[in-house]
C-alpha atoms as a PDB file:
ATOM      1  CA  MET A   1       0.000   0.000   0.000  1.00  0.00           C
ATOM      2  CA  ILE A   2       2.738   2.452   0.914  1.00  0.00           C
ATOM      3  CA  ARG A   3       4.594   1.657  -2.323  1.00  0.00           C
ATOM      4  CA  ASN A   4       1.398   2.219  -4.351  1.00  0.00           C
ATOM      5  CA  ARG A   5       0.793   5.539  -2.655  1.00  0.00           C
ATOM      6  CA  GLY A   6       4.352   6.591  -3.457  1.00  0.00           C
ATOM      7  CA  GLN A   7       3.904   5.671  -7.076  1.00  0.00           C
ATOM      8  CA  LEU A   8       0.652   7.667  -7.130  1.00  0.00           C
ATOM      9  CA  VAL A   9       2.374  10.749  -5.684  1.00  0.00           C
ATOM     10  CA  ILE A  10       5.195  10.492  -8.235  1.00  0.00           C
ATOM     11  CA  SER A  11       2.680  10.137 -11.076  1.00  0.00           C
ATOM     12  CA  VAL A  12       0.699  13.179  -9.920  1.00  0.00           C
ATOM     13  CA  LEU A  13       3.859  15.276  -9.580  1.00  0.00           C
ATOM     14  CA  PHE A  14       4.969  14.222 -13.055  1.00  0.00           C
ATOM     15  CA  VAL A  15       1.618  15.270 -14.577  1.00  0.00           C
ATOM     16  CA  VAL A  16       1.735  18.615 -12.742  1.00  0.00           C
ATOM     17  CA  PHE A  17       5.308  19.181 -13.930  1.00  0.00           C
ATOM     18  CA  ILE A  18       4.391  18.506 -17.571  1.00  0.00           C
ATOM     19  CA  SER A  19       1.323  20.774 -17.277  1.00  0.00           C
ATOM     20  CA  LEU A  20       3.423  23.604 -15.876  1.00  0.00           C
ATOM     21  CA  LEU A  21       5.896  23.278 -18.735  1.00  0.00           C
ATOM     22  CA  ALA A  22       3.078  23.430 -21.270  1.00  0.00           C
ATOM     23  CA  ALA A  23       1.542  26.450 -19.553  1.00  0.00           C
ATOM     24  CA  CYS A  24       4.850  28.283 -19.466  1.00  0.00           C
ATOM     25  CA  ALA A  25       5.429  27.541 -23.132  1.00  0.00           C
ATOM     26  CA  GLY A  26       1.964  28.806 -23.905  1.00  0.00           C
ATOM     27  CA  ASP A  27       2.541  31.970 -21.878  1.00  0.00           C
ATOM     28  CA  ASP A  28       5.816  32.662 -23.659  1.00  0.00           C
ATOM     29  CA  THR A  29       4.257  32.240 -27.090  1.00  0.00           C
ATOM     30  CA  SER A  30       1.362  34.493 -26.205  1.00  0.00           C
ATOM     31  CA  GLY A  31       3.666  37.150 -24.811  1.00  0.00           C
ATOM     32  CA  ASP A  32       5.816  37.142 -27.930  1.00  0.00           C
ATOM     33  CA  ALA A  33       2.764  37.474 -30.173  1.00  0.00           C
ATOM     34  CA  SER A  34       1.378  40.364 -28.156  1.00  0.00           C
ATOM     35  CA  SER A  35       4.637  42.277 -27.984  1.00  0.00           C
ATOM     36  CA  SER A  36       5.192  41.957 -31.718  1.00  0.00           C
ATOM     37  CA  GLY A  37       1.609  42.812 -32.642  1.00  0.00           C
ATOM     38  CA  GLY A  38       0.945  39.191 -33.660  1.00  0.00           C
ATOM     39  CA  GLY A  39      -2.159  37.191 -32.896  1.00  0.00           C
ATOM     40  CA  SER A  40      -5.683  38.031 -33.955  1.00  0.00           C
ATOM     41  CA  ILE A  41      -6.997  41.577 -34.277  1.00  0.00           C
ATOM     42  CA  THR A  42     -10.634  42.507 -33.713  1.00  0.00           C
ATOM     43  CA  LEU A  43     -11.961  45.273 -35.973  1.00  0.00           C
ATOM     44  CA  TYR A  44     -15.252  47.092 -35.328  1.00  0.00           C
ATOM     45  CA  SER A  45     -16.676  48.670 -38.490  1.00  0.00           C
ATOM     46  CA  PRO A  46     -20.043  49.900 -39.813  1.00  0.00           C
ATOM     47  CA  GLU A  47     -18.726  50.101 -43.363  1.00  0.00           C
ATOM     48  CA  THR A  48     -19.855  47.761 -46.161  1.00  0.00           C
ATOM     49  CA  PRO A  49     -19.090  44.178 -45.008  1.00  0.00           C
ATOM     50  CA  ASP A  50     -17.576  43.186 -48.364  1.00  0.00           C
ATOM     51  CA  LEU A  51     -15.273  46.223 -48.249  1.00  0.00           C
ATOM     52  CA  THR A  52     -14.080  45.519 -44.702  1.00  0.00           C
ATOM     53  CA  LYS A  53     -13.570  41.841 -45.561  1.00  0.00           C
ATOM     54  CA  GLU A  54     -11.393  42.803 -48.518  1.00  0.00           C
ATOM     55  CA  LEU A  55      -9.333  45.090 -46.280  1.00  0.00           C
ATOM     56  CA  ALA A  56      -9.017  42.377 -43.618  1.00  0.00           C
ATOM     57  CA  ASP A  57      -7.997  39.757 -46.196  1.00  0.00           C
ATOM     58  CA  LYS A  58      -5.323  42.044 -47.649  1.00  0.00           C
ATOM     59  CA  PHE A  59      -3.955  42.809 -44.171  1.00  0.00           C
ATOM     60  CA  GLU A  60      -3.770  39.077 -43.403  1.00  0.00           C
ATOM     61  CA  GLU A  61      -2.038  38.442 -46.743  1.00  0.00           C
ATOM     62  CA  ILE A  62       0.620  41.078 -45.994  1.00  0.00           C
ATOM     63  CA  HIS A  63       1.140  40.624 -42.247  1.00  0.00           C
ATOM     64  CA  GLY A  64      -0.147  37.120 -41.516  1.00  0.00           C
ATOM     65  CA  ASP A  65      -2.256  38.269 -38.539  1.00  0.00           C
ATOM     66  CA  LYS A  66      -5.912  37.237 -38.467  1.00  0.00           C
ATOM     67  CA  VAL A  67      -8.467  40.095 -38.520  1.00  0.00           C
ATOM     68  CA  ASN A  68     -11.904  39.382 -37.070  1.00  0.00           C
ATOM     69  CA  VAL A  69     -14.446  41.928 -38.330  1.00  0.00           C
ATOM     70  CA  ASP A  70     -17.430  42.778 -36.139  1.00  0.00           C
ATOM     71  CA  TYR A  71     -19.929  44.577 -38.367  1.00  0.00           C
ATOM     72  CA  ALA A  72     -22.841  46.704 -37.072  1.00  0.00           C
ATOM     73  CA  GLY A  73     -24.239  50.223 -37.386  1.00  0.00           C
ATOM     74  CA  THR A  74     -22.163  53.069 -35.983  1.00  0.00           C
ATOM     75  CA  ASN A  75     -24.446  53.778 -33.021  1.00  0.00           C
ATOM     76  CA  VAL A  76     -24.632  50.067 -32.170  1.00  0.00           C
ATOM     77  CA  LEU A  77     -20.846  49.738 -32.179  1.00  0.00           C
ATOM     78  CA  VAL A  78     -20.368  52.888 -30.104  1.00  0.00           C
ATOM     79  CA  ASN A  79     -22.860  51.642 -27.510  1.00  0.00           C
ATOM     80  CA  GLN A  80     -21.102  48.270 -27.547  1.00  0.00           C
ATOM     81  CA  MET A  81     -17.734  49.901 -26.857  1.00  0.00           C
ATOM     82  CA  ILE A  82     -19.278  51.904 -24.014  1.00  0.00           C
ATOM     83  CA  ALA A  83     -20.737  48.714 -22.519  1.00  0.00           C
ATOM     84  CA  GLU A  84     -17.347  46.989 -22.854  1.00  0.00           C
ATOM     85  CA  LYS A  85     -15.379  49.691 -21.018  1.00  0.00           C
ATOM     86  CA  GLY A  86     -13.166  47.937 -18.508  1.00  0.00           C
ATOM     87  CA  ASN A  87     -13.084  44.816 -20.660  1.00  0.00           C
ATOM     88  CA  PRO A  88     -12.791  45.969 -24.312  1.00  0.00           C
ATOM     89  CA  GLN A  89     -13.197  43.310 -26.983  1.00  0.00           C
ATOM     90  CA  ALA A  90     -12.047  45.347 -30.009  1.00  0.00           C
ATOM     91  CA  ASP A  91      -8.593  46.614 -30.930  1.00  0.00           C
ATOM     92  CA  VAL A  92      -9.403  49.045 -33.723  1.00  0.00           C
ATOM     93  CA  TRP A  93     -12.474  50.900 -35.048  1.00  0.00           C
ATOM     94  CA  TYR A  94     -12.770  51.970 -38.687  1.00  0.00           C
ATOM     95  CA  GLY A  95     -15.483  54.090 -40.277  1.00  0.00           C
ATOM     96  CA  GLY A  96     -18.681  55.775 -39.211  1.00  0.00           C
ATOM     97  CA  GLY A  97     -19.815  58.143 -41.927  1.00  0.00           C
ATOM     98  CA  GLY A  98     -17.229  60.788 -41.083  1.00  0.00           C
ATOM     99  CA  ILE A  99     -15.586  62.275 -38.016  1.00  0.00           C
ATOM    100  CA  LEU A 100     -18.592  63.167 -35.845  1.00  0.00           C
ATOM    101  CA  PRO A 101     -18.938  59.801 -34.021  1.00  0.00           C
ATOM    102  CA  PHE A 102     -15.193  59.781 -33.411  1.00  0.00           C
ATOM    103  CA  GLU A 103     -15.238  63.289 -31.962  1.00  0.00           C
ATOM    104  CA  ALA A 104     -17.963  62.211 -29.551  1.00  0.00           C
ATOM    105  CA  ALA A 105     -16.021  59.026 -28.702  1.00  0.00           C
ATOM    106  CA  VAL A 106     -13.154  61.076 -27.258  1.00  0.00           C
ATOM    107  CA  ASP A 107     -15.405  62.381 -24.477  1.00  0.00           C
ATOM    108  CA  LYS A 108     -16.878  58.901 -23.990  1.00  0.00           C
ATOM    109  CA  ASP A 109     -13.327  57.657 -23.230  1.00  0.00           C
ATOM    110  CA  ILE A 110     -13.599  54.599 -25.493  1.00  0.00           C
ATOM    111  CA  ILE A 111     -10.716  55.406 -27.876  1.00  0.00           C
ATOM    112  CA  THR A 112      -7.081  56.258 -27.309  1.00  0.00           C
ATOM    113  CA  GLN A 113      -4.250  58.150 -28.985  1.00  0.00           C
ATOM    114  CA  TYR A 114      -2.244  56.851 -31.904  1.00  0.00           C
ATOM    115  CA  ILE A 115      -1.240  58.389 -35.243  1.00  0.00           C
ATOM    116  CA  PRO A 116       0.514  56.298 -37.914  1.00  0.00           C
ATOM    117  CA  GLU A 117       3.922  57.526 -38.983  1.00  0.00           C
ATOM    118  CA  ALA A 118       2.566  58.274 -42.467  1.00  0.00           C
ATOM    119  CA  ALA A 119       0.255  60.941 -40.974  1.00  0.00           C
ATOM    120  CA  GLU A 120       2.527  62.452 -38.335  1.00  0.00           C
ATOM    121  CA  ASP A 121       3.384  65.481 -40.481  1.00  0.00           C
ATOM    122  CA  TRP A 122      -0.175  66.146 -41.652  1.00  0.00           C
ATOM    123  CA  GLU A 123      -1.800  69.404 -40.626  1.00  0.00           C
ATOM    124  CA  VAL A 124      -4.855  68.890 -38.421  1.00  0.00           C
ATOM    125  CA  THR A 125      -6.960  70.871 -40.909  1.00  0.00           C
ATOM    126  CA  GLU A 126      -6.062  71.314 -44.547  1.00  0.00           C
ATOM    127  CA  ASN A 127      -8.166  73.560 -46.802  1.00  0.00           C
ATOM    128  CA  GLY A 128     -11.236  73.243 -44.610  1.00  0.00           C
ATOM    129  CA  ILE A 129     -10.952  69.457 -44.158  1.00  0.00           C
ATOM    130  CA  LYS A 130     -10.075  68.109 -40.704  1.00  0.00           C
ATOM    131  CA  MET A 131      -7.556  65.381 -41.529  1.00  0.00           C
ATOM    132  CA  LYS A 132      -6.854  64.055 -38.028  1.00  0.00           C
ATOM    133  CA  HIS A 133      -7.674  64.758 -34.404  1.00  0.00           C
ATOM    134  CA  GLN A 134      -5.702  67.578 -32.816  1.00  0.00           C
ATOM    135  CA  ASP A 135      -4.734  65.311 -29.893  1.00  0.00           C
ATOM    136  CA  ASP A 136      -4.109  62.228 -32.065  1.00  0.00           C
ATOM    137  CA  TYR A 137      -7.307  60.302 -31.227  1.00  0.00           C
ATOM    138  CA  TYR A 138      -8.069  59.405 -34.858  1.00  0.00           C
ATOM    139  CA  VAL A 139      -6.748  59.789 -38.381  1.00  0.00           C
ATOM    140  CA  GLY A 140      -8.602  60.044 -41.682  1.00  0.00           C
ATOM    141  CA  THR A 141      -8.394  57.192 -44.181  1.00  0.00           C
ATOM    142  CA  GLU A 142     -10.580  58.526 -47.017  1.00  0.00           C
ATOM    143  CA  ILE A 143     -12.761  61.482 -48.008  1.00  0.00           C
ATOM    144  CA  PHE A 144     -16.572  61.701 -48.017  1.00  0.00           C
ATOM    145  CA  VAL A 145     -18.445  64.507 -49.802  1.00  0.00           C
ATOM    146  CA  LEU A 146     -22.063  65.413 -49.050  1.00  0.00           C
ATOM    147  CA  GLY A 147     -23.947  66.327 -52.204  1.00  0.00           C
ATOM    148  CA  PHE A 148     -26.669  65.508 -54.706  1.00  0.00           C
ATOM    149  CA  ALA A 149     -27.274  62.274 -56.560  1.00  0.00           C
ATOM    150  CA  TYR A 150     -29.542  62.566 -59.589  1.00  0.00           C
ATOM    151  CA  ASN A 151     -31.243  60.180 -61.999  1.00  0.00           C
ATOM    152  CA  THR A 152     -29.533  60.714 -65.354  1.00  0.00           C
ATOM    153  CA  ALA A 153     -32.522  59.304 -67.261  1.00  0.00           C
ATOM    154  CA  LEU A 154     -34.785  61.974 -65.755  1.00  0.00           C
ATOM    155  CA  VAL A 155     -32.443  64.933 -65.148  1.00  0.00           C
ATOM    156  CA  SER A 156     -29.618  66.334 -67.255  1.00  0.00           C
ATOM    157  CA  GLU A 157     -26.354  67.464 -65.693  1.00  0.00           C
ATOM    158  CA  GLU A 158     -27.110  71.039 -66.792  1.00  0.00           C
ATOM    159  CA  GLU A 159     -30.466  71.228 -64.998  1.00  0.00           C
ATOM    160  CA  ALA A 160     -29.363  69.313 -61.870  1.00  0.00           C
ATOM    161  CA  PRO A 161     -29.102  71.509 -58.721  1.00  0.00           C
ATOM    162  CA  LYS A 162     -25.698  73.051 -58.036  1.00  0.00           C
ATOM    163  CA  THR A 163     -26.316  74.711 -54.649  1.00  0.00           C
ATOM    164  CA  TRP A 164     -28.353  73.903 -51.537  1.00  0.00           C
ATOM    165  CA  GLU A 165     -30.694  76.774 -52.384  1.00  0.00           C
ATOM    166  CA  ASP A 166     -31.351  75.232 -55.835  1.00  0.00           C
ATOM    167  CA  LEU A 167     -33.145  72.368 -54.088  1.00  0.00           C
ATOM    168  CA  LEU A 168     -35.975  74.776 -53.200  1.00  0.00           C
ATOM    169  CA  ASP A 169     -36.764  75.490 -56.868  1.00  0.00           C
ATOM    170  CA  PRO A 170     -40.475  74.690 -57.434  1.00  0.00           C
ATOM    171  CA  LYS A 171     -39.519  72.339 -60.296  1.00  0.00           C
ATOM    172  CA  TRP A 172     -38.174  69.847 -57.715  1.00  0.00           C
ATOM    173  CA  GLU A 173     -41.369  69.716 -55.661  1.00  0.00           C
ATOM    174  CA  GLY A 174     -42.199  66.091 -54.908  1.00  0.00           C
ATOM    175  CA  LYS A 175     -39.030  64.892 -56.653  1.00  0.00           C
ATOM    176  CA  ILE A 176     -36.475  64.998 -53.820  1.00  0.00           C
ATOM    177  CA  GLN A 177     -35.487  62.478 -51.150  1.00  0.00           C
ATOM    178  CA  PHE A 178     -33.146  63.001 -48.222  1.00  0.00           C
ATOM    179  CA  PRO A 179     -32.476  60.960 -45.068  1.00  0.00           C
ATOM    180  CA  ASN A 180     -34.426  61.644 -41.894  1.00  0.00           C
ATOM    181  CA  PRO A 181     -32.150  63.776 -39.666  1.00  0.00           C
ATOM    182  CA  ALA A 182     -33.769  62.272 -36.570  1.00  0.00           C
ATOM    183  CA  ALA A 183     -32.347  58.889 -37.604  1.00  0.00           C
ATOM    184  CA  SER A 184     -29.475  59.456 -40.036  1.00  0.00           C
ATOM    185  CA  GLY A 185     -26.078  60.859 -39.137  1.00  0.00           C
ATOM    186  CA  THR A 186     -25.568  61.764 -42.800  1.00  0.00           C
ATOM    187  CA  SER A 187     -28.604  64.031 -42.700  1.00  0.00           C
ATOM    188  CA  THR A 188     -27.802  65.451 -39.264  1.00  0.00           C
ATOM    189  CA  LEU A 189     -24.496  66.597 -40.753  1.00  0.00           C
ATOM    190  CA  MET A 190     -26.433  68.374 -43.525  1.00  0.00           C
ATOM    191  CA  VAL A 191     -28.628  70.216 -41.014  1.00  0.00           C
ATOM    192  CA  LEU A 192     -25.790  71.226 -38.701  1.00  0.00           C
ATOM    193  CA  SER A 193     -23.527  72.457 -41.488  1.00  0.00           C
ATOM    194  CA  TYR A 194     -26.287  74.640 -42.941  1.00  0.00           C
ATOM    195  CA  MET A 195     -27.085  76.105 -39.525  1.00  0.00           C
ATOM    196  CA  MET A 196     -23.425  76.875 -38.880  1.00  0.00           C
ATOM    197  CA  GLN A 197     -23.395  78.966 -42.044  1.00  0.00           C
ATOM    198  CA  HIS A 198     -26.819  80.598 -41.826  1.00  0.00           C
ATOM    199  CA  GLY A 199     -27.931  80.447 -38.196  1.00  0.00           C
ATOM    200  CA  GLU A 200     -30.548  78.257 -36.575  1.00  0.00           C
ATOM    201  CA  GLU A 201     -33.602  80.409 -37.353  1.00  0.00           C
ATOM    202  CA  GLU A 202     -32.846  80.552 -41.086  1.00  0.00           C
ATOM    203  CA  GLY A 203     -31.829  76.905 -40.960  1.00  0.00           C
ATOM    204  CA  TRP A 204     -35.157  75.703 -39.598  1.00  0.00           C
ATOM    205  CA  GLU A 205     -36.986  77.775 -42.238  1.00  0.00           C
ATOM    206  CA  TYR A 206     -34.856  76.237 -44.983  1.00  0.00           C
ATOM    207  CA  PHE A 207     -35.411  72.660 -43.857  1.00  0.00           C
ATOM    208  CA  GLN A 208     -39.162  73.152 -43.526  1.00  0.00           C
ATOM    209  CA  LYS A 209     -39.180  74.259 -47.181  1.00  0.00           C
ATOM    210  CA  LEU A 210     -36.897  71.370 -48.173  1.00  0.00           C
ATOM    211  CA  THR A 211     -39.181  68.911 -46.371  1.00  0.00           C
ATOM    212  CA  ASP A 212     -42.129  70.296 -48.333  1.00  0.00           C
ATOM    213  CA  GLN A 213     -40.187  69.526 -51.535  1.00  0.00           C
ATOM    214  CA  ALA A 214     -39.508  65.900 -50.544  1.00  0.00           C
ATOM    215  CA  ASN A 215     -41.596  62.840 -51.371  1.00  0.00           C
ATOM    216  CA  SER A 216     -39.852  60.670 -48.771  1.00  0.00           C
ATOM    217  CA  MET A 217     -37.318  60.815 -45.927  1.00  0.00           C
ATOM    218  CA  PRO A 218     -35.917  57.299 -45.365  1.00  0.00           C
ATOM    219  CA  ASP A 219     -34.110  56.583 -42.092  1.00  0.00           C
ATOM    220  CA  SER A 220     -31.110  55.131 -43.954  1.00  0.00           C
ATOM    221  CA  GLY A 221     -28.365  57.455 -45.178  1.00  0.00           C
ATOM    222  CA  SER A 222     -28.110  55.517 -48.456  1.00  0.00           C
ATOM    223  CA  GLY A 223     -31.867  55.081 -48.913  1.00  0.00           C
ATOM    224  CA  PRO A 224     -32.506  58.277 -50.936  1.00  0.00           C
ATOM    225  CA  THR A 225     -29.693  57.541 -53.412  1.00  0.00           C
ATOM    226  CA  LYS A 226     -31.125  54.056 -53.947  1.00  0.00           C
ATOM    227  CA  GLY A 227     -34.514  55.701 -54.433  1.00  0.00           C
ATOM    228  CA  VAL A 228     -33.062  57.841 -57.221  1.00  0.00           C
ATOM    229  CA  ALA A 229     -31.620  54.748 -58.893  1.00  0.00           C
ATOM    230  CA  MET A 230     -35.089  53.145 -58.847  1.00  0.00           C
ATOM    231  CA  GLY A 231     -36.767  56.262 -60.244  1.00  0.00           C
ATOM    232  CA  GLU A 232     -38.635  56.984 -57.013  1.00  0.00           C
ATOM    233  CA  ALA A 233     -37.050  60.437 -56.936  1.00  0.00           C
ATOM    234  CA  GLU A 234     -35.045  62.605 -59.302  1.00  0.00           C
ATOM    235  CA  ILE A 235     -32.713  64.151 -56.693  1.00  0.00           C
ATOM    236  CA  ALA A 236     -31.264  62.694 -53.489  1.00  0.00           C
ATOM    237  CA  ILE A 237     -28.973  64.002 -50.775  1.00  0.00           C
ATOM    238  CA  GLY A 238     -26.169  61.648 -49.734  1.00  0.00           C
ATOM    239  CA  PHE A 239     -22.452  60.916 -49.839  1.00  0.00           C
ATOM    240  CA  ASP A 240     -20.589  60.706 -53.133  1.00  0.00           C
ATOM    241  CA  PHE A 241     -19.594  57.021 -52.974  1.00  0.00           C
ATOM    242  CA  MET A 242     -23.246  55.976 -52.610  1.00  0.00           C
ATOM    243  CA  ALA A 243     -23.987  57.388 -56.062  1.00  0.00           C
ATOM    244  CA  TYR A 244     -20.795  56.169 -57.716  1.00  0.00           C
ATOM    245  CA  GLU A 245     -21.253  52.593 -56.468  1.00  0.00           C
ATOM    246  CA  LEU A 246     -24.698  52.499 -58.100  1.00  0.00           C
ATOM    247  CA  LYS A 247     -23.373  54.130 -61.262  1.00  0.00           C
ATOM    248  CA  GLU A 248     -20.615  51.510 -61.467  1.00  0.00           C
ATOM    249  CA  ASN A 249     -23.313  48.841 -61.270  1.00  0.00           C
ATOM    250  CA  GLY A 250     -25.033  50.291 -64.345  1.00  0.00           C
ATOM    251  CA  GLU A 251     -27.710  52.385 -62.627  1.00  0.00           C
ATOM    252  CA  ASP A 252     -28.814  55.762 -64.062  1.00  0.00           C
ATOM    253  CA  VAL A 253     -27.170  57.755 -61.280  1.00  0.00           C
ATOM    254  CA  ASP A 254     -24.563  60.509 -61.136  1.00  0.00           C
ATOM    255  CA  PHE A 255     -23.364  62.998 -58.530  1.00  0.00           C
ATOM    256  CA  ILE A 256     -23.115  66.776 -58.158  1.00  0.00           C
ATOM    257  CA  ILE A 257     -20.810  68.478 -55.628  1.00  0.00           C
ATOM    258  CA  PRO A 258     -22.580  71.594 -54.296  1.00  0.00           C
ATOM    259  CA  ASP A 259     -20.621  74.838 -54.456  1.00  0.00           C
ATOM    260  CA  GLU A 260     -20.209  74.755 -50.666  1.00  0.00           C
ATOM    261  CA  THR A 261     -20.684  71.525 -48.743  1.00  0.00           C
ATOM    262  CA  PRO A 262     -19.315  69.398 -45.889  1.00  0.00           C
ATOM    263  CA  VAL A 263     -16.236  67.392 -46.860  1.00  0.00           C
ATOM    264  CA  LEU A 264     -15.149  64.944 -44.165  1.00  0.00           C
ATOM    265  CA  VAL A 265     -12.532  62.303 -43.579  1.00  0.00           C
ATOM    266  CA  ASN A 266     -13.713  58.841 -42.547  1.00  0.00           C
ATOM    267  CA  PRO A 267     -11.377  57.849 -39.701  1.00  0.00           C
ATOM    268  CA  VAL A 268      -9.744  54.873 -38.066  1.00  0.00           C
ATOM    269  CA  THR A 269      -8.861  54.822 -34.360  1.00  0.00           C
ATOM    270  CA  LEU A 270      -7.409  52.647 -31.608  1.00  0.00           C
ATOM    271  CA  VAL A 271      -9.880  51.268 -29.045  1.00  0.00           C
ATOM    272  CA  LYS A 272      -8.821  52.148 -25.507  1.00  0.00           C
ATOM    273  CA  ASP A 273      -7.300  49.204 -23.603  1.00  0.00           C
ATOM    274  CA  GLY A 274      -8.037  46.751 -26.414  1.00  0.00           C
ATOM    275  CA  PRO A 275      -6.596  43.225 -26.046  1.00  0.00           C
ATOM    276  CA  ASN A 276      -4.055  43.624 -28.887  1.00  0.00           C
ATOM    277  CA  PRO A 277      -3.013  47.292 -29.080  1.00  0.00           C
ATOM    278  CA  GLU A 278       0.102  46.597 -31.141  1.00  0.00           C
ATOM    279  CA  GLY A 279      -2.012  44.722 -33.669  1.00  0.00           C
ATOM    280  CA  GLY A 280      -4.479  47.597 -33.703  1.00  0.00           C
ATOM    281  CA  LYS A 281      -1.673  50.076 -34.411  1.00  0.00           C
ATOM    282  CA  LYS A 282      -0.404  47.861 -37.205  1.00  0.00           C
ATOM    283  CA  PHE A 283      -3.873  47.816 -38.773  1.00  0.00           C
ATOM    284  CA  MET A 284      -4.073  51.624 -38.544  1.00  0.00           C
ATOM    285  CA  ASP A 285      -0.705  51.848 -40.296  1.00  0.00           C
ATOM    286  CA  PHE A 286      -2.032  49.488 -42.951  1.00  0.00           C
ATOM    287  CA  MET A 287      -5.100  51.686 -43.623  1.00  0.00           C
ATOM    288  CA  LEU A 288      -2.796  54.443 -44.913  1.00  0.00           C
ATOM    289  CA  SER A 289      -0.703  52.062 -47.012  1.00  0.00           C
ATOM    290  CA  ASP A 290      -0.919  51.997 -50.803  1.00  0.00           C
ATOM    291  CA  GLU A 291      -2.563  48.557 -50.692  1.00  0.00           C
ATOM    292  CA  ALA A 292      -5.436  49.672 -48.445  1.00  0.00           C
ATOM    293  CA  GLN A 293      -5.850  53.008 -50.220  1.00  0.00           C
ATOM    294  CA  GLU A 294      -6.155  51.209 -53.555  1.00  0.00           C
ATOM    295  CA  ILE A 295      -8.897  48.992 -52.111  1.00  0.00           C
ATOM    296  CA  LEU A 296     -10.796  52.045 -50.857  1.00  0.00           C
ATOM    297  CA  ALA A 297     -10.440  53.659 -54.277  1.00  0.00           C
ATOM    298  CA  SER A 298     -11.760  50.506 -55.957  1.00  0.00           C
ATOM    299  CA  TRP A 299     -14.925  50.906 -53.847  1.00  0.00           C
ATOM    300  CA  ASN A 300     -15.377  54.460 -55.194  1.00  0.00           C
ATOM    301  CA  HIS A 301     -14.149  56.064 -51.971  1.00  0.00           C
ATOM    302  CA  ILE A 302     -11.814  59.039 -52.349  1.00  0.00           C
ATOM    303  CA  PRO A 303      -8.359  57.949 -51.099  1.00  0.00           C
ATOM    304  CA  ILE A 304      -6.719  60.318 -48.655  1.00  0.00           C
ATOM    305  CA  ASN A 305      -3.334  59.538 -50.204  1.00  0.00           C
ATOM    306  CA  PRO A 306      -3.085  61.850 -53.240  1.00  0.00           C
ATOM    307  CA  GLU A 307      -0.635  59.406 -54.840  1.00  0.00           C
ATOM    308  CA  ILE A 308      -3.446  56.843 -55.199  1.00  0.00           C
ATOM    309  CA  GLU A 309      -5.729  57.652 -58.118  1.00  0.00           C
ATOM    310  CA  SER A 310      -9.413  58.119 -57.350  1.00  0.00           C
ATOM    311  CA  GLN A 311     -11.735  55.934 -59.438  1.00  0.00           C
ATOM    312  CA  THR A 312     -14.390  58.679 -59.494  1.00  0.00           C
ATOM    313  CA  PRO A 313     -14.249  62.226 -60.915  1.00  0.00           C
ATOM    314  CA  ILE A 314     -13.630  63.486 -57.360  1.00  0.00           C
ATOM    315  CA  SER A 315     -10.182  63.639 -55.773  1.00  0.00           C
ATOM    316  CA  LEU A 316      -8.843  65.191 -52.584  1.00  0.00           C
ATOM    317  CA  GLU A 317      -7.298  67.951 -54.666  1.00  0.00           C
ATOM    318  CA  ASN A 318     -10.372  69.009 -56.628  1.00  0.00           C
ATOM    319  CA  VAL A 319     -12.863  68.726 -53.774  1.00  0.00           C
ATOM    320  CA  GLN A 320     -11.041  71.026 -51.369  1.00  0.00           C
ATOM    321  CA  GLU A 321     -12.403  74.172 -53.030  1.00  0.00           C
ATOM    322  CA  HIS A 322     -15.946  73.057 -52.128  1.00  0.00           C
ATOM    323  CA  ALA A 323     -15.243  72.310 -48.440  1.00  0.00           C
ATOM    324  CA  ILE A 324     -16.813  74.483 -45.774  1.00  0.00           C
ATOM    325  CA  ASP A 325     -15.179  75.076 -42.409  1.00  0.00           C
ATOM    326  CA  LEU A 326     -16.929  72.989 -39.778  1.00  0.00           C
ATOM    327  CA  ASP A 327     -16.971  74.225 -36.192  1.00  0.00           C
ATOM    328  CA  ILE A 328     -16.475  70.817 -34.618  1.00  0.00           C
ATOM    329  CA  ASP A 329     -16.953  72.120 -31.069  1.00  0.00           C
ATOM    330  CA  TRP A 330     -20.335  73.594 -32.052  1.00  0.00           C
ATOM    331  CA  VAL A 331     -21.275  70.332 -33.750  1.00  0.00           C
ATOM    332  CA  ASN A 332     -20.401  68.296 -30.666  1.00  0.00           C
ATOM    333  CA  GLU A 333     -22.329  70.642 -28.384  1.00  0.00           C
ATOM    334  CA  ASN A 334     -25.476  70.743 -30.535  1.00  0.00           C
ATOM    335  CA  TYR A 335     -25.571  67.388 -32.331  1.00  0.00           C
ATOM    336  CA  ASP A 336     -28.028  65.627 -30.014  1.00  0.00           C
ATOM    337  CA  ARG A 337     -30.155  68.727 -29.399  1.00  0.00           C
ATOM    338  CA  ILE A 338     -30.691  69.555 -33.073  1.00  0.00           C
ATOM    339  CA  ARG A 339     -31.366  65.919 -33.890  1.00  0.00           C
ATOM    340  CA  ASN A 340     -33.952  65.669 -31.103  1.00  0.00           C
ATOM    341  CA  GLU A 341     -35.615  68.943 -32.105  1.00  0.00           C
ATOM    342  CA  TRP A 342     -36.158  67.870 -35.714  1.00  0.00           C
ATOM    343  CA  ASN A 343     -39.492  66.118 -35.128  1.00  0.00           C
ATOM    344  CA  ASN A 344     -40.815  69.038 -33.096  1.00  0.00           C
ATOM    345  CA  LYS A 345     -39.635  71.798 -35.438  1.00  0.00           C
ATOM    346  CA  ILE A 346     -40.399  70.248 -38.824  1.00  0.00           C
ATOM    347  CA  GLN A 347     -43.994  69.445 -39.776  1.00  0.00           C
END
């Protein structure tokens, strides 16, 4: 009996010893992967799933690190990151229809500072376009332009509206669609930018008249442009790439840049205290690389790198003359209020 007990003790100690060796080996491997930015990277993105998958696949091809994409709407992802504070699940966040959600995220303390080397020498604002955060909380990856899509089978380029005031021409009555500002960040940007230029009182008067011109206000930012493609409207308000994607697919759609309009970068940022920060930084670096910029261009987005050719008639260089200065502080202070007041102010 004593001999059997001794053998049992030796066996147990041997198993424990082997387990400890395996655990130590596992710890060492994990530590090396983390310190070198290896291992999997979790990306939160509201952008088109096929686009983000192509970016993730290219990153994996170049760097060998797996990218897990978690796709959802911008507000859903922001709320998810808020809920995950203290135990973040994402490493990097890309896209959200422009800079406004990222500006708000700074105060929500869900993102942290990092600027890729390629953008270190950029000015914060260049020709009216905010290219990166002044305290390094995000960097732009591409350019979005707010403007007018039109149905080329129903409207000629010559008669299409060229300014925001042109939309109030009686000839467009019942022929316009724009997103509902109470639901769409794209449309909230439209309202805020107009009010910054003209004041709130004149702004509310303008948007009441514009609403009277519209035949529909879908909640989706891309809904009106799709409506134009289907002939449900002749004019739609939306971002440039929405129109050019449909045009590339053979739809009767084209795009007009208003004389003065919001021009925004679409950013990428590092999630605060994410599980793989070095991997997140590497992915941010990648988003400014030629390979990623070429993918964005192939999806009709305007690359922020002027060396990469835009696949649409719009480039960073030729759109700058249309950009209006956005008072980001005013936007942050009034974003929720103006959005909430829409249903009460507009009949």
